[in-house]
Amino acid sequence: MWQEHDLAGLHYWHEQTSRHFQQLCETADDTELNRHIQYSNSQGDAFDSQVSDILTHCVVHASYHRGQVATKMREAGLEPVNSDFITYCREISGQVTPQL
């Protein structure tokens, strides 16, 4: 069910999905955001969800996975980068210098 990719493949898919996500955010109007999508999950359960709810889920769920990655990195003796959204906003506005 879950695809596995090497680092180059992950970069490729990140670039592709980011471009499509940005385009959707830039062009979606109220009609699109209120549109419903019917789909099935990996267990075959059918659902009907509003586009705006799916987009909100993507952002919230990504935070969950960033936390998982940070935990696994710390368990391996590594220190993950700061992935807080406000830190990102400060960096892109020039308020702080990114730390490597």
N, C-alpha and C. Protein backbone atom coordinates (compact mmCIF):
# COMPACT_ATOMS: atom_id res chain seq x y z
N MET A 1 0.82 -1.19 0.00
CA MET A 1 0.00 0.00 0.00
C MET A 1 0.87 1.26 0.00
N TRP A 2 1.89 1.31 0.83
CA TRP A 2 2.72 2.50 0.92
C TRP A 2 3.89 2.39 -0.03
N GLN A 3 4.08 3.39 -0.82
CA GLN A 3 5.20 3.43 -1.75
C GLN A 3 6.48 3.77 -1.00
N GLU A 4 7.59 3.25 -1.48
CA GLU A 4 8.89 3.60 -0.93
C GLU A 4 9.71 4.26 -2.03
N HIS A 5 10.43 5.32 -1.66
CA HIS A 5 11.22 6.08 -2.61
C HIS A 5 12.59 6.38 -2.01
N ASP A 6 13.59 6.50 -2.88
CA ASP A 6 14.89 6.96 -2.41
C ASP A 6 14.82 8.48 -2.25
N LEU A 7 15.91 9.08 -1.76
CA LEU A 7 15.90 10.51 -1.48
C LEU A 7 15.61 11.34 -2.73
N ALA A 8 16.19 10.95 -3.86
CA ALA A 8 15.93 11.68 -5.11
C ALA A 8 14.45 11.60 -5.49
N GLY A 9 13.86 10.42 -5.31
CA GLY A 9 12.44 10.26 -5.59
C GLY A 9 11.58 11.11 -4.67
N LEU A 10 11.95 11.19 -3.41
CA LEU A 10 11.20 12.02 -2.46
C LEU A 10 11.28 13.49 -2.85
N HIS A 11 12.45 13.93 -3.27
CA HIS A 11 12.60 15.32 -3.73
C HIS A 11 11.72 15.58 -4.94
N TYR A 12 11.70 14.64 -5.87
CA TYR A 12 10.88 14.78 -7.07
C TYR A 12 9.40 14.92 -6.69
N TRP A 13 8.89 14.02 -5.86
CA TRP A 13 7.47 14.05 -5.51
C TRP A 13 7.12 15.26 -4.66
N HIS A 14 8.05 15.69 -3.82
CA HIS A 14 7.83 16.91 -3.04
C HIS A 14 7.66 18.10 -3.98
N GLU A 15 8.53 18.20 -4.98
CA GLU A 15 8.47 19.29 -5.94
C GLU A 15 7.15 19.26 -6.71
N GLN A 16 6.75 18.08 -7.16
CA GLN A 16 5.52 17.94 -7.92
C GLN A 16 4.29 18.32 -7.10
N THR A 17 4.18 17.74 -5.91
CA THR A 17 3.00 18.00 -5.09
C THR A 17 2.98 19.45 -4.59
N SER A 18 4.15 20.00 -4.28
CA SER A 18 4.20 21.39 -3.82
C SER A 18 3.71 22.34 -4.90
N ARG A 19 4.12 22.08 -6.14
CA ARG A 19 3.70 22.93 -7.25
C ARG A 19 2.18 22.85 -7.44
N HIS A 20 1.62 21.65 -7.40
CA HIS A 20 0.17 21.49 -7.56
C HIS A 20 -0.59 22.09 -6.38
N PHE A 21 -0.06 21.92 -5.17
CA PHE A 21 -0.71 22.46 -3.98
C PHE A 21 -0.72 23.99 -4.04
N GLN A 22 0.40 24.59 -4.43
CA GLN A 22 0.47 26.05 -4.54
C GLN A 22 -0.51 26.56 -5.59
N GLN A 23 -0.57 25.87 -6.72
CA GLN A 23 -1.50 26.27 -7.78
C GLN A 23 -2.95 26.21 -7.28
N LEU A 24 -3.28 25.15 -6.56
CA LEU A 24 -4.63 25.03 -6.02
C LEU A 24 -4.93 26.17 -5.05
N CYS A 25 -3.98 26.47 -4.16
CA CYS A 25 -4.19 27.54 -3.18
C CYS A 25 -4.35 28.90 -3.86
N GLU A 26 -3.64 29.11 -4.95
CA GLU A 26 -3.70 30.40 -5.65
C GLU A 26 -4.98 30.56 -6.48
N THR A 27 -5.55 29.47 -6.95
CA THR A 27 -6.68 29.58 -7.88
C THR A 27 -8.02 29.14 -7.31
N ALA A 28 -8.03 28.47 -6.17
CA ALA A 28 -9.28 27.95 -5.64
C ALA A 28 -10.20 29.08 -5.20
N ASP A 29 -11.43 29.02 -5.66
CA ASP A 29 -12.44 29.98 -5.22
C ASP A 29 -13.38 29.27 -4.25
N ASP A 30 -14.41 29.96 -3.80
CA ASP A 30 -15.34 29.37 -2.83
C ASP A 30 -16.01 28.11 -3.38
N THR A 31 -16.31 28.11 -4.66
CA THR A 31 -16.94 26.93 -5.25
C THR A 31 -16.02 25.72 -5.14
N GLU A 32 -14.73 25.91 -5.45
CA GLU A 32 -13.78 24.81 -5.35
C GLU A 32 -13.57 24.37 -3.91
N LEU A 33 -13.42 25.33 -3.01
CA LEU A 33 -13.17 24.99 -1.61
C LEU A 33 -14.36 24.30 -0.95
N ASN A 34 -15.56 24.58 -1.44
CA ASN A 34 -16.77 23.96 -0.88
C ASN A 34 -17.17 22.68 -1.61
N ARG A 35 -16.46 22.36 -2.69
CA ARG A 35 -16.76 21.15 -3.47
C ARG A 35 -16.49 19.90 -2.63
N HIS A 36 -17.29 18.88 -2.85
CA HIS A 36 -17.11 17.62 -2.14
C HIS A 36 -16.46 16.59 -3.06
N ILE A 37 -15.61 15.76 -2.47
CA ILE A 37 -14.92 14.70 -3.18
C ILE A 37 -15.29 13.38 -2.53
N GLN A 38 -15.65 12.41 -3.35
CA GLN A 38 -15.94 11.07 -2.85
C GLN A 38 -14.71 10.21 -3.10
N TYR A 39 -14.31 9.44 -2.10
CA TYR A 39 -13.10 8.62 -2.20
C TYR A 39 -13.19 7.48 -1.20
N SER A 40 -12.26 6.53 -1.34
CA SER A 40 -12.15 5.42 -0.40
C SER A 40 -10.76 5.44 0.22
N ASN A 41 -10.69 5.08 1.49
CA ASN A 41 -9.38 5.02 2.15
C ASN A 41 -8.72 3.67 1.87
N SER A 42 -7.57 3.44 2.47
CA SER A 42 -6.81 2.22 2.20
C SER A 42 -7.52 0.95 2.67
N GLN A 43 -8.50 1.09 3.57
CA GLN A 43 -9.27 -0.07 4.01
C GLN A 43 -10.52 -0.28 3.16
N GLY A 44 -10.75 0.60 2.20
CA GLY A 44 -11.91 0.48 1.32
C GLY A 44 -13.14 1.19 1.84
N ASP A 45 -13.03 1.94 2.94
CA ASP A 45 -14.17 2.68 3.49
C ASP A 45 -14.42 3.93 2.65
N ALA A 46 -15.69 4.14 2.27
CA ALA A 46 -16.05 5.28 1.43
C ALA A 46 -16.30 6.53 2.27
N PHE A 47 -15.85 7.67 1.75
CA PHE A 47 -16.04 8.94 2.43
C PHE A 47 -16.40 10.02 1.43
N ASP A 48 -16.95 11.11 1.95
CA ASP A 48 -17.28 12.30 1.18
C ASP A 48 -16.76 13.47 1.99
N SER A 49 -15.80 14.21 1.45
CA SER A 49 -15.19 15.31 2.20
C SER A 49 -15.14 16.57 1.36
N GLN A 50 -15.24 17.70 2.04
CA GLN A 50 -15.14 19.00 1.41
C GLN A 50 -13.67 19.32 1.15
N VAL A 51 -13.38 19.94 0.01
CA VAL A 51 -12.00 20.26 -0.37
C VAL A 51 -11.30 21.06 0.72
N SER A 52 -11.95 22.07 1.29
CA SER A 52 -11.31 22.88 2.32
C SER A 52 -10.94 22.04 3.54
N ASP A 53 -11.75 21.05 3.88
CA ASP A 53 -11.43 20.17 5.01
C ASP A 53 -10.23 19.28 4.69
N ILE A 54 -10.14 18.83 3.46
CA ILE A 54 -9.01 18.00 3.04
C ILE A 54 -7.72 18.82 3.09
N LEU A 55 -7.77 20.07 2.63
CA LEU A 55 -6.59 20.93 2.67
C LEU A 55 -6.15 21.20 4.11
N THR A 56 -7.10 21.46 4.98
CA THR A 56 -6.78 21.66 6.40
C THR A 56 -6.15 20.40 6.98
N HIS A 57 -6.70 19.25 6.64
CA HIS A 57 -6.14 17.98 7.11
C HIS A 57 -4.69 17.82 6.67
N CYS A 58 -4.39 18.18 5.43
CA CYS A 58 -3.02 18.04 4.91
C CYS A 58 -2.03 18.82 5.77
N VAL A 59 -2.37 20.04 6.11
CA VAL A 59 -1.47 20.88 6.90
C VAL A 59 -1.32 20.31 8.31
N VAL A 60 -2.42 19.98 8.94
CA VAL A 60 -2.37 19.45 10.31
C VAL A 60 -1.66 18.11 10.35
N HIS A 61 -1.95 17.23 9.42
CA HIS A 61 -1.36 15.90 9.41
C HIS A 61 0.14 15.95 9.12
N ALA A 62 0.56 16.91 8.31
CA ALA A 62 2.00 17.07 8.04
C ALA A 62 2.75 17.40 9.33
N SER A 63 2.14 18.20 10.20
CA SER A 63 2.77 18.51 11.50
C SER A 63 2.95 17.24 12.33
N TYR A 64 1.97 16.38 12.28
CA TYR A 64 2.04 15.11 13.00
C TYR A 64 3.26 14.30 12.52
N HIS A 65 3.43 14.23 11.21
CA HIS A 65 4.56 13.46 10.67
C HIS A 65 5.91 14.13 10.94
N ARG A 66 5.95 15.45 10.92
CA ARG A 66 7.20 16.13 11.27
C ARG A 66 7.60 15.78 12.69
N GLY A 67 6.63 15.70 13.58
CA GLY A 67 6.91 15.29 14.96
C GLY A 67 7.43 13.87 15.04
N GLN A 68 6.85 12.99 14.23
CA GLN A 68 7.33 11.59 14.20
C GLN A 68 8.78 11.53 13.74
N VAL A 69 9.09 12.28 12.69
CA VAL A 69 10.46 12.28 12.16
C VAL A 69 11.42 12.83 13.21
N ALA A 70 11.06 13.92 13.87
CA ALA A 70 11.92 14.51 14.89
C ALA A 70 12.17 13.52 16.02
N THR A 71 11.14 12.81 16.43
CA THR A 71 11.29 11.80 17.50
C THR A 71 12.25 10.71 17.08
N LYS A 72 12.07 10.18 15.87
CA LYS A 72 12.95 9.11 15.39
C LYS A 72 14.39 9.61 15.27
N MET A 73 14.57 10.84 14.83
CA MET A 73 15.93 11.38 14.72
C MET A 73 16.58 11.47 16.10
N ARG A 74 15.83 11.97 17.08
CA ARG A 74 16.38 12.08 18.43
C ARG A 74 16.71 10.70 19.00
N GLU A 75 15.86 9.72 18.73
CA GLU A 75 16.12 8.35 19.18
C GLU A 75 17.42 7.81 18.58
N ALA A 76 17.77 8.31 17.39
CA ALA A 76 19.00 7.87 16.72
C ALA A 76 20.19 8.75 17.08
N GLY A 77 20.00 9.67 18.05
CA GLY A 77 21.09 10.53 18.48
C GLY A 77 21.31 11.75 17.60
N LEU A 78 20.35 12.09 16.77
CA LEU A 78 20.46 13.24 15.87
C LEU A 78 19.58 14.38 16.39
N GLU A 79 19.89 15.58 15.95
CA GLU A 79 19.08 16.74 16.31
C GLU A 79 18.36 17.24 15.06
N PRO A 80 17.03 17.15 15.03
CA PRO A 80 16.29 17.61 13.84
C PRO A 80 16.30 19.13 13.73
N VAL A 81 16.08 19.60 12.52
CA VAL A 81 15.96 21.05 12.31
C VAL A 81 14.65 21.53 12.93
N ASN A 82 14.60 22.78 13.23
CA ASN A 82 13.38 23.39 13.76
C ASN A 82 12.37 23.47 12.61
N SER A 83 11.23 22.84 12.75
CA SER A 83 10.22 22.85 11.68
C SER A 83 8.98 23.61 12.10
N ASP A 84 9.11 24.50 13.09
CA ASP A 84 7.97 25.32 13.50
C ASP A 84 7.62 26.31 12.40
N PHE A 85 6.35 26.48 12.14
CA PHE A 85 5.89 27.39 11.09
C PHE A 85 6.32 28.82 11.36
N ILE A 86 6.23 29.27 12.60
CA ILE A 86 6.59 30.66 12.89
C ILE A 86 8.08 30.90 12.63
N THR A 87 8.91 29.89 12.86
CA THR A 87 10.33 30.02 12.55
C THR A 87 10.51 30.21 11.06
N TYR A 88 9.78 29.43 10.27
CA TYR A 88 9.82 29.56 8.81
C TYR A 88 9.42 30.98 8.39
N CYS A 89 8.34 31.49 8.97
CA CYS A 89 7.88 32.84 8.63
C CYS A 89 8.94 33.88 8.97
N ARG A 90 9.59 33.72 10.11
CA ARG A 90 10.66 34.65 10.50
C ARG A 90 11.83 34.58 9.53
N GLU A 91 12.16 33.37 9.11
CA GLU A 91 13.28 33.19 8.18
C GLU A 91 13.00 33.84 6.83
N ILE A 92 11.81 33.61 6.27
CA ILE A 92 11.53 34.17 4.95
C ILE A 92 11.34 35.68 4.99
N SER A 93 11.01 36.22 6.16
CA SER A 93 10.86 37.68 6.26
C SER A 93 12.18 38.35 6.62
N GLY A 94 13.23 37.55 6.83
CA GLY A 94 14.54 38.09 7.15
C GLY A 94 14.73 38.45 8.61
N GLN A 95 13.82 38.01 9.49
CA GLN A 95 13.92 38.36 10.90
C GLN A 95 14.97 37.51 11.63
N VAL A 96 15.23 36.33 11.12
CA VAL A 96 16.26 35.46 11.70
C VAL A 96 17.03 34.79 10.58
N THR A 97 18.25 34.44 10.87
CA THR A 97 19.07 33.73 9.91
C THR A 97 18.88 32.24 10.11
N PRO A 98 18.60 31.48 9.06
CA PRO A 98 18.43 30.03 9.21
C PRO A 98 19.69 29.39 9.81
N GLN A 99 19.49 28.46 10.72
CA GLN A 99 20.61 27.73 11.30
C GLN A 99 20.71 26.38 10.65
N LEU A 100 21.91 26.01 10.27
CA LEU A 100 22.13 24.71 9.63
C LEU A 100 22.60 23.70 10.62
